Amino acid sequence: MPRKLPHSHTCFVCGESNPKGLNVRFFADDHSAYVPLLLREEQMGYPGIAHGGVLMSILDELMGWAATMQTGEFSVSAEINTRFLKPVPLHTPLTARAQMTQRRGRVWYTHGEIVDEKGTVYVRATGKYVSIGKERTAQILQMMIHDPDAVSPQELIQQFQADIEDRTDGPEGGDNNV
């Protein structure tokens, strides 16, 4: 069942108190993070087309959440590769979705994309994220906004813990594909 994820006050992408930000709310399902999008003129590059930097920011945050869902820790982006396959039109219902694809110790690999309702892929991205650690994650979770209908941090981690154990029990000590 899809659940809303926590958000922050000040983040450019999800900060509810950031007047210059996107104020996006992310959701989680079984193995991915996603967000429905309807981009407006405020996110425009060329007339009628979404700005590539805005799209990358959304995918960056989303791929980070995908890794968090699988590891129980927040991370920072170390590398993001983005392919813009088609111009992204404004005022068009879209969905951005991301999954963690691989884990190597404290480095996590992700994949994300932005698609329309027909399944047309506009943007694809891959990312490499590095854990900030459990202690810093706990500090950040305390500062986040947890709406009543949002998944709690504890629930989020518990929901995926069994799946993490199933997929990382291997001879390489957690270096398996996720």
N, C-alpha and C. Protein backbone atom coordinates (compact mmCIF):
# COMPACT_ATOMS: atom_id res chain seq x y z
N MET A 1 0.84 -1.18 0.00
CA MET A 1 0.00 0.00 0.00
C MET A 1 0.89 1.25 0.00
N PRO A 2 0.65 2.18 -0.87
CA PRO A 2 1.46 3.40 -0.93
C PRO A 2 1.31 4.21 0.35
N ARG A 3 2.42 4.77 0.80
CA ARG A 3 2.44 5.60 2.00
C ARG A 3 3.24 6.86 1.74
N LYS A 4 2.82 7.96 2.33
CA LYS A 4 3.55 9.22 2.23
C LYS A 4 4.81 9.14 3.08
N LEU A 5 5.91 9.70 2.57
CA LEU A 5 7.17 9.74 3.31
C LEU A 5 7.28 11.07 4.07
N PRO A 6 8.10 11.10 5.12
CA PRO A 6 8.32 12.36 5.84
C PRO A 6 8.97 13.40 4.93
N HIS A 7 8.88 14.66 5.34
CA HIS A 7 9.50 15.74 4.58
C HIS A 7 10.11 16.74 5.57
N SER A 8 10.74 17.78 5.04
CA SER A 8 11.43 18.73 5.92
C SER A 8 10.80 20.12 5.83
N HIS A 9 11.34 21.00 6.63
CA HIS A 9 10.92 22.40 6.59
C HIS A 9 11.64 23.16 5.48
N THR A 10 12.95 22.89 5.29
CA THR A 10 13.78 23.79 4.49
C THR A 10 14.30 23.23 3.18
N CYS A 11 14.19 21.94 2.94
CA CYS A 11 14.73 21.33 1.72
C CYS A 11 14.17 22.01 0.47
N PHE A 12 15.01 22.20 -0.54
CA PHE A 12 14.56 22.79 -1.80
C PHE A 12 13.48 21.95 -2.46
N VAL A 13 13.61 20.64 -2.39
CA VAL A 13 12.65 19.77 -3.08
C VAL A 13 11.41 19.53 -2.23
N CYS A 14 11.56 19.13 -0.96
CA CYS A 14 10.40 18.74 -0.16
C CYS A 14 10.07 19.69 0.99
N GLY A 15 10.78 20.77 1.15
CA GLY A 15 10.57 21.66 2.29
C GLY A 15 9.28 22.44 2.22
N GLU A 16 8.44 22.25 3.24
CA GLU A 16 7.14 22.93 3.23
C GLU A 16 7.25 24.40 3.60
N SER A 17 8.36 24.81 4.22
CA SER A 17 8.54 26.21 4.61
C SER A 17 9.49 26.95 3.68
N ASN A 18 9.90 26.34 2.60
CA ASN A 18 10.83 26.96 1.67
C ASN A 18 10.02 27.64 0.55
N PRO A 19 9.88 28.97 0.58
CA PRO A 19 9.04 29.65 -0.40
C PRO A 19 9.58 29.55 -1.83
N LYS A 20 10.86 29.25 -1.99
CA LYS A 20 11.44 29.12 -3.33
C LYS A 20 11.51 27.65 -3.77
N GLY A 21 11.12 26.73 -2.90
CA GLY A 21 11.25 25.31 -3.17
C GLY A 21 10.09 24.72 -3.96
N LEU A 22 10.19 23.43 -4.21
CA LEU A 22 9.20 22.70 -5.01
C LEU A 22 8.04 22.17 -4.18
N ASN A 23 8.24 22.00 -2.87
CA ASN A 23 7.20 21.52 -1.96
C ASN A 23 6.59 20.19 -2.41
N VAL A 24 7.44 19.28 -2.83
CA VAL A 24 7.03 17.96 -3.33
C VAL A 24 6.84 17.01 -2.15
N ARG A 25 5.87 16.10 -2.25
CA ARG A 25 5.66 15.05 -1.26
C ARG A 25 5.91 13.70 -1.91
N PHE A 26 6.80 12.93 -1.29
CA PHE A 26 7.18 11.63 -1.83
C PHE A 26 6.38 10.52 -1.17
N PHE A 27 6.26 9.40 -1.90
CA PHE A 27 5.53 8.24 -1.43
C PHE A 27 6.41 7.00 -1.60
N ALA A 28 6.03 5.94 -0.89
CA ALA A 28 6.74 4.66 -1.00
C ALA A 28 5.73 3.55 -1.23
N ASP A 29 6.13 2.59 -2.06
CA ASP A 29 5.38 1.35 -2.16
C ASP A 29 6.34 0.22 -1.81
N ASP A 30 6.09 -0.99 -2.25
CA ASP A 30 6.88 -2.13 -1.80
C ASP A 30 8.39 -1.98 -1.97
N HIS A 31 8.86 -1.52 -3.12
CA HIS A 31 10.31 -1.48 -3.36
C HIS A 31 10.78 -0.22 -4.05
N SER A 32 9.97 0.84 -4.02
CA SER A 32 10.40 2.05 -4.70
C SER A 32 9.83 3.28 -4.00
N ALA A 33 10.43 4.40 -4.32
CA ALA A 33 9.92 5.70 -3.91
C ALA A 33 9.38 6.35 -5.18
N TYR A 34 8.30 7.11 -5.04
CA TYR A 34 7.74 7.75 -6.23
C TYR A 34 7.04 9.04 -5.84
N VAL A 35 6.76 9.83 -6.86
CA VAL A 35 6.04 11.08 -6.66
C VAL A 35 5.24 11.40 -7.93
N PRO A 36 3.95 11.68 -7.78
CA PRO A 36 3.19 12.22 -8.91
C PRO A 36 3.60 13.67 -9.12
N LEU A 37 3.74 14.07 -10.37
CA LEU A 37 4.19 15.43 -10.69
C LEU A 37 3.23 16.10 -11.66
N LEU A 38 3.06 17.37 -11.48
CA LEU A 38 2.38 18.22 -12.45
C LEU A 38 3.16 19.53 -12.42
N LEU A 39 4.14 19.64 -13.30
CA LEU A 39 5.06 20.78 -13.29
C LEU A 39 4.41 22.01 -13.90
N ARG A 40 4.74 23.17 -13.33
CA ARG A 40 4.13 24.44 -13.72
C ARG A 40 5.19 25.41 -14.24
N GLU A 41 4.75 26.60 -14.56
CA GLU A 41 5.64 27.63 -15.10
C GLU A 41 6.81 27.93 -14.17
N GLU A 42 6.61 27.80 -12.86
CA GLU A 42 7.69 28.06 -11.90
C GLU A 42 8.86 27.09 -12.08
N GLN A 43 8.61 25.95 -12.70
CA GLN A 43 9.65 24.94 -12.94
C GLN A 43 10.08 24.92 -14.41
N MET A 44 9.79 25.95 -15.15
CA MET A 44 10.03 26.00 -16.59
C MET A 44 11.45 26.40 -16.93
N GLY A 45 11.97 25.79 -18.00
CA GLY A 45 13.20 26.23 -18.63
C GLY A 45 12.78 27.04 -19.85
N TYR A 46 12.77 26.38 -21.03
CA TYR A 46 12.21 27.02 -22.21
C TYR A 46 10.69 27.01 -22.11
N PRO A 47 10.02 27.89 -22.86
CA PRO A 47 8.55 27.95 -22.76
C PRO A 47 7.90 26.58 -22.95
N GLY A 48 7.06 26.23 -21.98
CA GLY A 48 6.30 24.98 -22.04
C GLY A 48 7.07 23.73 -21.65
N ILE A 49 8.36 23.87 -21.33
CA ILE A 49 9.22 22.71 -21.04
C ILE A 49 9.80 22.86 -19.63
N ALA A 50 9.78 21.74 -18.87
CA ALA A 50 10.34 21.75 -17.52
C ALA A 50 11.86 21.93 -17.57
N HIS A 51 12.41 22.62 -16.59
CA HIS A 51 13.85 22.85 -16.49
C HIS A 51 14.55 21.56 -16.08
N GLY A 52 15.63 21.23 -16.76
CA GLY A 52 16.38 20.01 -16.47
C GLY A 52 16.93 19.95 -15.06
N GLY A 53 17.34 21.08 -14.50
CA GLY A 53 17.85 21.11 -13.13
C GLY A 53 16.78 20.76 -12.12
N VAL A 54 15.56 21.19 -12.37
CA VAL A 54 14.45 20.83 -11.49
C VAL A 54 14.20 19.33 -11.55
N LEU A 55 14.21 18.78 -12.75
CA LEU A 55 13.98 17.34 -12.93
C LEU A 55 15.07 16.53 -12.23
N MET A 56 16.32 16.98 -12.37
CA MET A 56 17.44 16.29 -11.70
C MET A 56 17.31 16.39 -10.18
N SER A 57 16.87 17.54 -9.67
CA SER A 57 16.70 17.69 -8.23
C SER A 57 15.65 16.72 -7.69
N ILE A 58 14.56 16.60 -8.41
CA ILE A 58 13.50 15.67 -7.99
C ILE A 58 14.03 14.24 -8.02
N LEU A 59 14.71 13.85 -9.08
CA LEU A 59 15.25 12.49 -9.17
C LEU A 59 16.34 12.25 -8.12
N ASP A 60 17.16 13.24 -7.84
CA ASP A 60 18.18 13.10 -6.81
C ASP A 60 17.54 12.77 -5.47
N GLU A 61 16.58 13.57 -5.07
CA GLU A 61 15.92 13.34 -3.79
C GLU A 61 15.20 11.99 -3.78
N LEU A 62 14.55 11.68 -4.86
CA LEU A 62 13.80 10.42 -4.96
C LEU A 62 14.72 9.21 -4.91
N MET A 63 15.85 9.26 -5.62
CA MET A 63 16.80 8.14 -5.58
C MET A 63 17.41 8.02 -4.19
N GLY A 64 17.63 9.14 -3.51
CA GLY A 64 18.10 9.09 -2.13
C GLY A 64 17.09 8.42 -1.22
N TRP A 65 15.80 8.74 -1.40
CA TRP A 65 14.76 8.08 -0.61
C TRP A 65 14.70 6.58 -0.93
N ALA A 66 14.86 6.21 -2.17
CA ALA A 66 14.84 4.78 -2.53
C ALA A 66 15.93 4.03 -1.77
N ALA A 67 17.11 4.63 -1.67
CA ALA A 67 18.21 4.01 -0.92
C ALA A 67 17.89 3.97 0.57
N THR A 68 17.32 5.05 1.09
CA THR A 68 16.95 5.10 2.51
C THR A 68 15.95 4.01 2.85
N MET A 69 14.98 3.80 1.97
CA MET A 69 13.97 2.78 2.22
C MET A 69 14.59 1.39 2.33
N GLN A 70 15.65 1.16 1.61
CA GLN A 70 16.27 -0.16 1.59
C GLN A 70 17.35 -0.34 2.65
N THR A 71 17.88 0.76 3.18
CA THR A 71 19.01 0.66 4.11
C THR A 71 18.69 1.17 5.51
N GLY A 72 17.67 2.02 5.62
CA GLY A 72 17.36 2.62 6.91
C GLY A 72 18.28 3.78 7.27
N GLU A 73 19.07 4.27 6.32
CA GLU A 73 19.97 5.40 6.56
C GLU A 73 19.84 6.41 5.44
N PHE A 74 20.02 7.68 5.80
CA PHE A 74 20.08 8.71 4.78
C PHE A 74 21.46 8.72 4.15
N SER A 75 21.56 9.40 3.02
CA SER A 75 22.82 9.41 2.27
C SER A 75 22.98 10.76 1.58
N VAL A 76 24.16 10.96 1.02
CA VAL A 76 24.41 12.11 0.17
C VAL A 76 24.75 11.59 -1.22
N SER A 77 24.41 12.37 -2.22
CA SER A 77 24.69 11.94 -3.60
C SER A 77 26.17 12.15 -3.89
N ALA A 78 26.77 11.12 -4.48
CA ALA A 78 28.17 11.19 -4.87
C ALA A 78 28.29 11.34 -6.39
N GLU A 79 27.31 10.80 -7.11
CA GLU A 79 27.34 10.86 -8.57
C GLU A 79 25.93 10.66 -9.09
N ILE A 80 25.54 11.48 -10.06
CA ILE A 80 24.24 11.33 -10.72
C ILE A 80 24.46 11.46 -12.22
N ASN A 81 23.97 10.49 -12.96
CA ASN A 81 24.02 10.54 -14.42
C ASN A 81 22.59 10.58 -14.92
N THR A 82 22.29 11.58 -15.74
CA THR A 82 20.92 11.79 -16.20
C THR A 82 20.87 11.83 -17.71
N ARG A 83 19.88 11.14 -18.27
CA ARG A 83 19.62 11.16 -19.71
C ARG A 83 18.26 11.77 -19.93
N PHE A 84 18.23 12.88 -20.64
CA PHE A 84 16.98 13.54 -20.98
C PHE A 84 16.57 13.00 -22.36
N LEU A 85 15.58 12.13 -22.38
CA LEU A 85 15.18 11.45 -23.61
C LEU A 85 14.21 12.26 -24.45
N LYS A 86 13.37 13.04 -23.78
CA LYS A 86 12.39 13.89 -24.46
C LYS A 86 12.18 15.14 -23.61
N PRO A 87 11.83 16.27 -24.22
CA PRO A 87 11.49 17.43 -23.42
C PRO A 87 10.28 17.11 -22.52
N VAL A 88 10.33 17.53 -21.29
CA VAL A 88 9.26 17.26 -20.33
C VAL A 88 8.26 18.41 -20.36
N PRO A 89 7.04 18.15 -20.83
CA PRO A 89 6.06 19.23 -20.95
C PRO A 89 5.48 19.63 -19.60
N LEU A 90 5.15 20.91 -19.47
CA LEU A 90 4.46 21.40 -18.28
C LEU A 90 2.99 20.96 -18.34
N HIS A 91 2.34 20.99 -17.19
CA HIS A 91 0.90 20.72 -17.07
C HIS A 91 0.51 19.34 -17.61
N THR A 92 1.42 18.38 -17.51
CA THR A 92 1.17 17.01 -17.95
C THR A 92 1.35 16.09 -16.75
N PRO A 93 0.36 15.26 -16.43
CA PRO A 93 0.54 14.34 -15.30
C PRO A 93 1.70 13.37 -15.55
N LEU A 94 2.64 13.37 -14.62
CA LEU A 94 3.84 12.54 -14.71
C LEU A 94 4.04 11.80 -13.39
N THR A 95 4.88 10.77 -13.43
CA THR A 95 5.30 10.09 -12.21
C THR A 95 6.80 9.91 -12.28
N ALA A 96 7.47 10.27 -11.20
CA ALA A 96 8.90 9.97 -11.05
C ALA A 96 8.99 8.82 -10.07
N ARG A 97 9.84 7.83 -10.39
CA ARG A 97 9.96 6.63 -9.56
C ARG A 97 11.43 6.24 -9.49
N ALA A 98 11.86 5.72 -8.32
CA ALA A 98 13.25 5.31 -8.15
C ALA A 98 13.34 4.06 -7.30
N GLN A 99 14.40 3.27 -7.56
CA GLN A 99 14.70 2.06 -6.80
C GLN A 99 16.20 2.01 -6.53
N MET A 100 16.55 1.34 -5.45
CA MET A 100 17.95 1.03 -5.21
C MET A 100 18.25 -0.26 -5.96
N THR A 101 19.37 -0.29 -6.69
CA THR A 101 19.70 -1.44 -7.52
C THR A 101 20.85 -2.27 -7.00
N GLN A 102 21.71 -1.66 -6.20
CA GLN A 102 22.89 -2.38 -5.72
C GLN A 102 23.44 -1.71 -4.47
N ARG A 103 24.07 -2.52 -3.63
CA ARG A 103 24.68 -1.99 -2.40
C ARG A 103 26.09 -2.57 -2.28
N ARG A 104 27.05 -1.69 -2.06
CA ARG A 104 28.44 -2.09 -1.81
C ARG A 104 28.91 -1.36 -0.57
N GLY A 105 28.73 -2.01 0.58
CA GLY A 105 29.10 -1.38 1.84
C GLY A 105 28.27 -0.13 2.06
N ARG A 106 28.95 1.02 2.22
CA ARG A 106 28.27 2.29 2.46
C ARG A 106 27.92 3.03 1.17
N VAL A 107 28.16 2.42 0.02
CA VAL A 107 27.84 3.03 -1.27
C VAL A 107 26.64 2.30 -1.87
N TRP A 108 25.65 3.08 -2.28
CA TRP A 108 24.40 2.52 -2.78
C TRP A 108 24.14 3.06 -4.19
N TYR A 109 23.66 2.19 -5.06
CA TYR A 109 23.40 2.54 -6.46
C TYR A 109 21.89 2.54 -6.69
N THR A 110 21.43 3.52 -7.45
CA THR A 110 20.00 3.69 -7.67
C THR A 110 19.69 3.95 -9.14
N HIS A 111 18.43 3.81 -9.46
CA HIS A 111 17.91 4.09 -10.80
C HIS A 111 16.60 4.85 -10.64
N GLY A 112 16.38 5.85 -11.46
CA GLY A 112 15.12 6.59 -11.42
C GLY A 112 14.70 7.00 -12.81
N GLU A 113 13.41 7.29 -12.94
CA GLU A 113 12.91 7.78 -14.23
C GLU A 113 11.65 8.60 -14.02
N ILE A 114 11.35 9.41 -15.02
CA ILE A 114 10.13 10.21 -15.06
C ILE A 114 9.36 9.78 -16.28
N VAL A 115 8.09 9.38 -16.07
CA VAL A 115 7.25 8.86 -17.14
C VAL A 115 5.90 9.56 -17.12
N ASP A 116 5.19 9.49 -18.25
CA ASP A 116 3.82 10.01 -18.28
C ASP A 116 2.83 8.86 -18.05
N GLU A 117 1.55 9.16 -18.12
CA GLU A 117 0.51 8.16 -17.85
C GLU A 117 0.49 7.02 -18.86
N LYS A 118 1.04 7.26 -20.05
CA LYS A 118 1.09 6.22 -21.08
C LYS A 118 2.35 5.36 -20.97
N GLY A 119 3.24 5.72 -20.07
CA GLY A 119 4.48 4.97 -19.90
C GLY A 119 5.64 5.52 -20.70
N THR A 120 5.45 6.64 -21.37
CA THR A 120 6.54 7.27 -22.11
C THR A 120 7.60 7.76 -21.13
N VAL A 121 8.84 7.34 -21.34
CA VAL A 121 9.94 7.73 -20.46
C VAL A 121 10.54 9.03 -20.99
N TYR A 122 10.58 10.05 -20.14
CA TYR A 122 11.15 11.34 -20.51
C TYR A 122 12.58 11.50 -20.00
N VAL A 123 12.82 11.01 -18.78
CA VAL A 123 14.13 11.18 -18.15
C VAL A 123 14.50 9.88 -17.43
N ARG A 124 15.77 9.46 -17.57
CA ARG A 124 16.31 8.33 -16.82
C ARG A 124 17.55 8.81 -16.09
N ALA A 125 17.75 8.28 -14.89
CA ALA A 125 18.92 8.67 -14.12
C ALA A 125 19.44 7.47 -13.33
N THR A 126 20.73 7.48 -13.09
CA THR A 126 21.34 6.54 -12.16
C THR A 126 22.12 7.38 -11.15
N GLY A 127 22.24 6.85 -9.96
CA GLY A 127 22.94 7.59 -8.94
C GLY A 127 23.76 6.69 -8.04
N LYS A 128 24.77 7.30 -7.46
CA LYS A 128 25.61 6.65 -6.47
C LYS A 128 25.49 7.50 -5.20
N TYR A 129 25.12 6.85 -4.10
CA TYR A 129 24.88 7.55 -2.84
C TYR A 129 25.74 6.96 -1.74
N VAL A 130 26.20 7.79 -0.81
CA VAL A 130 27.06 7.36 0.28
C VAL A 130 26.33 7.63 1.60
N SER A 131 26.27 6.62 2.44
CA SER A 131 25.59 6.72 3.73
C SER A 131 26.18 7.84 4.59
N ILE A 132 25.29 8.52 5.32
CA ILE A 132 25.75 9.50 6.31
C ILE A 132 25.80 8.87 7.70
N GLY A 133 25.40 7.61 7.81
CA GLY A 133 25.48 6.89 9.08
C GLY A 133 24.19 6.91 9.87
N LYS A 134 24.07 5.97 10.76
CA LYS A 134 22.86 5.81 11.56
C LYS A 134 22.64 6.97 12.53
N GLU A 135 23.72 7.46 13.16
CA GLU A 135 23.58 8.54 14.13
C GLU A 135 23.07 9.82 13.48
N ARG A 136 23.68 10.20 12.35
CA ARG A 136 23.24 11.42 11.64
C ARG A 136 21.82 11.24 11.08
N THR A 137 21.50 10.02 10.61
CA THR A 137 20.16 9.74 10.13
C THR A 137 19.14 9.96 11.25
N ALA A 138 19.44 9.46 12.45
CA ALA A 138 18.53 9.63 13.58
C ALA A 138 18.33 11.11 13.90
N GLN A 139 19.39 11.90 13.82
CA GLN A 139 19.28 13.34 14.07
C GLN A 139 18.37 14.00 13.04
N ILE A 140 18.55 13.65 11.78
CA ILE A 140 17.75 14.26 10.72
C ILE A 140 16.29 13.83 10.83
N LEU A 141 16.05 12.57 11.16
CA LEU A 141 14.68 12.10 11.31
C LEU A 141 13.93 12.89 12.39
N GLN A 142 14.63 13.28 13.44
CA GLN A 142 14.00 14.07 14.50
C GLN A 142 13.60 15.46 14.01
N MET A 143 14.29 15.98 13.01
CA MET A 143 14.00 17.32 12.49
C MET A 143 12.93 17.28 11.39
N MET A 144 12.61 16.11 10.87
CA MET A 144 11.67 16.01 9.76
C MET A 144 10.22 16.13 10.22
N ILE A 145 9.36 16.44 9.28
CA ILE A 145 7.93 16.54 9.53
C ILE A 145 7.30 15.20 9.18
N HIS A 146 6.59 14.64 10.14
CA HIS A 146 5.95 13.34 9.96
C HIS A 146 4.43 13.56 10.02
N ASP A 147 3.84 13.81 8.86
CA ASP A 147 2.39 14.00 8.80
C ASP A 147 1.68 12.77 9.36
N PRO A 148 0.45 12.95 9.87
CA PRO A 148 -0.27 11.80 10.42
C PRO A 148 -0.45 10.65 9.42
N ASP A 149 -0.56 10.98 8.13
CA ASP A 149 -0.73 9.92 7.13
C ASP A 149 0.59 9.47 6.51
N ALA A 150 1.71 9.94 7.07
CA ALA A 150 3.03 9.55 6.56
C ALA A 150 3.55 8.35 7.33
N VAL A 151 4.36 7.57 6.67
CA VAL A 151 4.99 6.43 7.32
C VAL A 151 5.99 6.96 8.35
N SER A 152 6.01 6.35 9.53
CA SER A 152 6.96 6.77 10.55
C SER A 152 8.34 6.23 10.19
N PRO A 153 9.40 6.84 10.68
CA PRO A 153 10.74 6.33 10.38
C PRO A 153 10.90 4.87 10.81
N GLN A 154 10.38 4.55 11.99
CA GLN A 154 10.49 3.18 12.48
C GLN A 154 9.74 2.20 11.58
N GLU A 155 8.55 2.59 11.17
CA GLU A 155 7.75 1.74 10.30
C GLU A 155 8.43 1.57 8.94
N LEU A 156 8.99 2.65 8.44
CA LEU A 156 9.68 2.61 7.15
C LEU A 156 10.82 1.60 7.19
N ILE A 157 11.62 1.67 8.22
CA ILE A 157 12.77 0.78 8.33
C ILE A 157 12.32 -0.66 8.56
N GLN A 158 11.34 -0.87 9.43
CA GLN A 158 10.84 -2.22 9.70
C GLN A 158 10.21 -2.85 8.46
N GLN A 159 9.50 -2.04 7.69
CA GLN A 159 8.80 -2.54 6.51
C GLN A 159 9.77 -3.20 5.54
N PHE A 160 10.97 -2.67 5.42
CA PHE A 160 11.91 -3.18 4.45
C PHE A 160 13.01 -4.04 5.06
N GLN A 161 13.07 -4.12 6.39
CA GLN A 161 14.17 -4.85 7.02
C GLN A 161 14.22 -6.31 6.59
N ALA A 162 13.09 -6.99 6.59
CA ALA A 162 13.07 -8.40 6.19
C ALA A 162 13.53 -8.56 4.74
N ASP A 163 13.11 -7.64 3.88
CA ASP A 163 13.51 -7.72 2.48
C ASP A 163 15.00 -7.45 2.32
N ILE A 164 15.53 -6.51 3.10
CA ILE A 164 16.96 -6.21 3.05
C ILE A 164 17.75 -7.46 3.42
N GLU A 165 17.36 -8.10 4.51
CA GLU A 165 18.07 -9.30 4.96
C GLU A 165 18.02 -10.40 3.92
N ASP A 166 16.88 -10.58 3.28
CA ASP A 166 16.74 -11.60 2.25
C ASP A 166 17.68 -11.35 1.07
N ARG A 167 17.86 -10.08 0.71
CA ARG A 167 18.63 -9.77 -0.49
C ARG A 167 20.09 -9.50 -0.24
N THR A 168 20.51 -9.32 1.00
CA THR A 168 21.91 -9.01 1.26
C THR A 168 22.65 -10.14 1.97
N ASP A 169 21.99 -11.25 2.23
CA ASP A 169 22.67 -12.41 2.82
C ASP A 169 23.38 -13.17 1.72
N GLY A 170 24.63 -12.88 1.53
CA GLY A 170 25.38 -13.54 0.47
C GLY A 170 26.84 -13.63 0.83
N PRO A 171 27.60 -14.30 0.01
CA PRO A 171 29.01 -14.50 0.32
C PRO A 171 29.83 -13.22 0.30
N GLU A 172 29.33 -12.18 -0.33
CA GLU A 172 30.10 -10.94 -0.43
C GLU A 172 29.82 -9.97 0.71
N GLY A 173 29.00 -10.38 1.69
CA GLY A 173 28.77 -9.52 2.86
C GLY A 173 28.02 -8.25 2.52
N GLY A 174 26.93 -8.35 1.77
CA GLY A 174 26.11 -7.19 1.49
C GLY A 174 26.47 -6.49 0.18
N ASP A 175 27.32 -7.07 -0.64
CA ASP A 175 27.67 -6.44 -1.90
C ASP A 175 26.80 -6.95 -3.04
N ASN A 176 25.65 -7.47 -2.74
CA ASN A 176 24.80 -8.07 -3.75
C ASN A 176 23.91 -7.04 -4.41
N ASN A 177 23.39 -7.41 -5.55
CA ASN A 177 22.36 -6.57 -6.17
C ASN A 177 21.15 -6.58 -5.27
N VAL A 178 20.43 -5.50 -5.27
CA VAL A 178 19.24 -5.38 -4.46
C VAL A 178 18.04 -5.58 -5.32
